[in-house]
């Protein structure tokens, strides 16, 4: 059964990657999620209400990436910069920060693990042709913001992909 489900999704994943804009040999897309989208997704997976409220108050940037270069590219989220229209930093919420929040809230380990699978890895290499995707959480800005995603390559080239005009719909506690 699982094999059939995976066979159904692989063509959809491939199709989505084909439609991503190609930037310096990287297929890359970034979009934001509404609180309703994130709440529905995590609540449907049985997450505790306290966890769903915390997630709903956060801005998620969903990223899709595929290395279409002939060399290794390194994904390192600590090299990514989010800035508001005035150029001020928009804070990113890292995996260790989430872990501390979930620990303080006594969130079950199963929910923590499931949440972790939905987030972009903090750091990893991408072999030629390899895809990766997930969410990057930021403290919800009140105005449009930009992402400067910086990547290193095996040849030493640095690639900067700038995504302007990202906007998170109103975020706040779910009632």
Protein backbone atom coordinates (compact mmCIF):
# COMPACT_ATOMS: atom_id res chain seq x y z
CA UNK A 1 0.00 0.00 0.00
CA UNK A 2 2.74 2.47 0.96
CA UNK A 3 4.56 1.72 -2.32
CA UNK A 4 1.41 2.62 -4.28
CA UNK A 5 1.02 5.89 -2.40
CA UNK A 6 4.66 6.80 -3.04
CA UNK A 7 4.30 5.96 -6.74
CA UNK A 8 1.39 8.39 -6.91
CA UNK A 9 3.36 11.22 -5.29
CA UNK A 10 6.72 10.87 -7.09
CA UNK A 11 5.34 12.13 -10.44
CA UNK A 12 3.74 15.08 -8.61
CA UNK A 13 7.02 15.93 -6.90
CA UNK A 14 8.89 15.70 -10.21
CA UNK A 15 6.29 17.90 -11.91
CA UNK A 16 6.55 20.52 -9.15
CA UNK A 17 10.35 20.56 -9.50
CA UNK A 18 10.07 20.96 -13.29
CA UNK A 19 7.98 24.12 -12.77
CA UNK A 20 10.34 25.77 -10.28
CA UNK A 21 12.26 28.72 -11.72
CA UNK A 22 15.88 27.86 -12.53
CA UNK A 23 18.39 30.25 -10.97
CA UNK A 24 22.10 29.66 -11.61
CA UNK A 25 21.51 25.93 -11.93
CA UNK A 26 19.24 25.69 -8.90
CA UNK A 27 15.51 25.12 -9.26
CA UNK A 28 14.16 27.26 -6.42
CA UNK A 29 10.79 28.37 -5.15
CA UNK A 30 9.66 30.11 -1.97
CA UNK A 31 6.15 30.98 -0.81
CA UNK A 32 4.46 31.74 2.47
CA UNK A 33 1.68 29.86 4.26
CA UNK A 34 -1.36 31.32 5.98
CA UNK A 35 -2.09 30.57 9.63
CA UNK A 36 -5.14 28.62 8.46
CA UNK A 37 -3.01 26.43 6.20
CA UNK A 38 -0.47 25.63 8.89
CA UNK A 39 -3.13 25.15 11.57
CA UNK A 40 -5.11 22.75 9.38
CA UNK A 41 -2.01 20.78 8.40
CA UNK A 42 -0.67 20.25 11.91
CA UNK A 43 -4.04 19.90 13.66
CA UNK A 44 -4.99 17.15 11.17
CA UNK A 45 -1.92 15.25 12.35
CA UNK A 46 -3.09 15.30 15.94
CA UNK A 47 -0.70 17.91 17.26
CA UNK A 48 -1.52 19.23 20.74
CA UNK A 49 -3.48 22.50 20.77
CA UNK A 50 -0.68 24.38 22.53
CA UNK A 51 1.69 23.38 19.72
CA UNK A 52 -0.78 24.31 16.97
CA UNK A 53 -1.25 27.78 18.54
CA UNK A 54 2.51 28.34 18.59
CA UNK A 55 2.80 27.24 14.96
CA UNK A 56 -0.11 29.48 13.88
CA UNK A 57 1.65 32.52 15.36
CA UNK A 58 4.70 31.81 13.18
CA UNK A 59 5.38 32.72 9.57
CA UNK A 60 6.37 29.71 7.44
CA UNK A 61 8.22 30.13 4.16
CA UNK A 62 7.87 26.92 2.18
CA UNK A 63 10.93 26.28 0.04
CA UNK A 64 11.51 23.85 -2.80
CA UNK A 65 15.01 23.35 -4.14
CA UNK A 66 16.70 21.03 -6.61
CA UNK A 67 20.37 21.07 -7.51
CA UNK A 68 20.54 20.97 -11.31
CA UNK A 69 24.22 21.85 -11.40
CA UNK A 70 26.96 19.33 -12.18
CA UNK A 71 28.53 19.84 -8.76
CA UNK A 72 27.65 19.64 -5.09
CA UNK A 73 25.84 22.63 -3.59
CA UNK A 74 25.64 23.24 0.16
CA UNK A 75 22.42 24.29 1.84
CA UNK A 76 23.23 26.18 5.05
CA UNK A 77 20.28 28.06 6.51
CA UNK A 78 22.56 30.12 8.75
CA UNK A 79 23.75 31.78 5.51
CA UNK A 80 20.22 32.83 4.54
CA UNK A 81 19.06 36.35 5.38
CA UNK A 82 15.49 37.57 5.77
CA UNK A 83 15.04 41.34 5.78
CA UNK A 84 12.09 43.71 5.90
CA UNK A 85 11.51 46.58 3.46
CA UNK A 86 13.79 48.84 5.54
CA UNK A 87 16.61 46.27 5.40
CA UNK A 88 16.22 45.25 9.04
CA UNK A 89 16.68 41.55 9.85
CA UNK A 90 13.64 39.30 10.20
CA UNK A 91 14.51 36.64 12.77
CA UNK A 92 14.54 33.01 11.67
CA UNK A 93 13.42 30.34 14.15
CA UNK A 94 15.97 27.52 14.08
CA UNK A 95 15.46 23.83 14.77
CA UNK A 96 17.24 24.09 18.16
CA UNK A 97 14.90 26.97 19.11
CA UNK A 98 11.87 24.86 18.18
CA UNK A 99 13.27 21.96 20.21
CA UNK A 100 13.59 24.17 23.28
CA UNK A 101 10.01 25.45 22.83
CA UNK A 102 8.60 21.93 22.45
CA UNK A 103 10.58 20.72 25.48
CA UNK A 104 9.27 23.58 27.62
CA UNK A 105 5.71 22.78 26.50
CA UNK A 106 6.13 19.05 27.14
CA UNK A 107 5.13 18.29 23.54
CA UNK A 108 5.12 14.53 22.82
CA UNK A 109 8.21 13.24 21.02
CA UNK A 110 6.08 11.89 18.15
CA UNK A 111 4.72 15.39 17.39
CA UNK A 112 8.22 16.89 17.65
CA UNK A 113 9.56 14.34 15.16
CA UNK A 114 6.69 14.91 12.72
CA UNK A 115 7.17 18.68 12.95
CA UNK A 116 10.89 18.24 12.30
CA UNK A 117 10.21 16.35 9.08
CA UNK A 118 8.29 19.35 7.73
CA UNK A 119 11.18 21.77 8.25
CA UNK A 120 14.10 22.46 5.90
CA UNK A 121 17.32 20.90 7.16
CA UNK A 122 19.63 23.39 8.84
CA UNK A 123 22.57 22.18 6.76
CA UNK A 124 23.27 19.54 4.13
CA UNK A 125 24.95 18.90 0.84
CA UNK A 126 22.90 18.54 -2.32
CA UNK A 127 24.33 16.21 -4.92
CA UNK A 128 23.63 16.92 -8.61
CA UNK A 129 19.94 16.28 -9.30
CA UNK A 130 19.04 16.01 -5.61
CA UNK A 131 15.92 17.80 -4.33
CA UNK A 132 15.03 19.06 -0.87
CA UNK A 133 12.07 20.97 0.49
CA UNK A 134 10.40 22.11 3.66
CA UNK A 135 9.49 25.07 5.79
CA UNK A 136 11.70 27.81 7.14
CA UNK A 137 10.11 29.56 10.11
CA UNK A 138 10.52 33.28 10.76
CA UNK A 139 9.07 35.61 13.35
CA UNK A 140 6.02 36.95 11.54
CA UNK A 141 6.85 40.38 10.09
CA UNK A 142 4.02 42.88 9.65
CA UNK A 143 5.14 44.01 6.19
CA UNK A 144 6.63 42.44 3.05
CA UNK A 145 10.09 40.98 3.42
CA UNK A 146 12.84 39.46 1.29
CA UNK A 147 14.88 36.28 1.39
CA UNK A 148 18.51 36.17 0.31
CA UNK A 149 19.34 32.46 0.06
CA UNK A 150 23.11 31.96 -0.19
CA UNK A 151 24.67 28.69 -1.36
CA UNK A 152 28.26 27.47 -1.68
CA UNK A 153 29.31 25.19 -4.52
CA UNK A 154 32.09 22.60 -4.83
CA UNK A 155 33.89 24.88 -7.32
CA UNK A 156 33.92 27.72 -4.77
CA UNK A 157 31.25 29.78 -6.50
CA UNK A 158 28.75 31.51 -4.24
CA UNK A 159 25.15 31.66 -5.44
CA UNK A 160 22.73 34.24 -4.06
CA UNK A 161 19.05 33.86 -4.82
CA UNK A 162 16.96 36.85 -3.79
CA UNK A 163 13.21 36.47 -3.37
CA UNK A 164 11.60 39.89 -2.75
CA UNK A 165 8.02 40.64 -1.77
CA UNK A 166 7.30 37.72 0.53
CA UNK A 167 4.41 38.48 2.82
CA UNK A 168 2.90 36.58 5.70
CA UNK A 169 -0.81 37.05 6.23
CA UNK A 170 -1.83 38.13 9.71
CA UNK A 171 -0.49 35.69 12.29
CA UNK A 172 -1.59 35.37 15.86
CA UNK A 173 -2.99 32.98 18.39
CA UNK A 174 -5.67 30.62 17.15
CA UNK A 175 -8.90 31.09 19.07
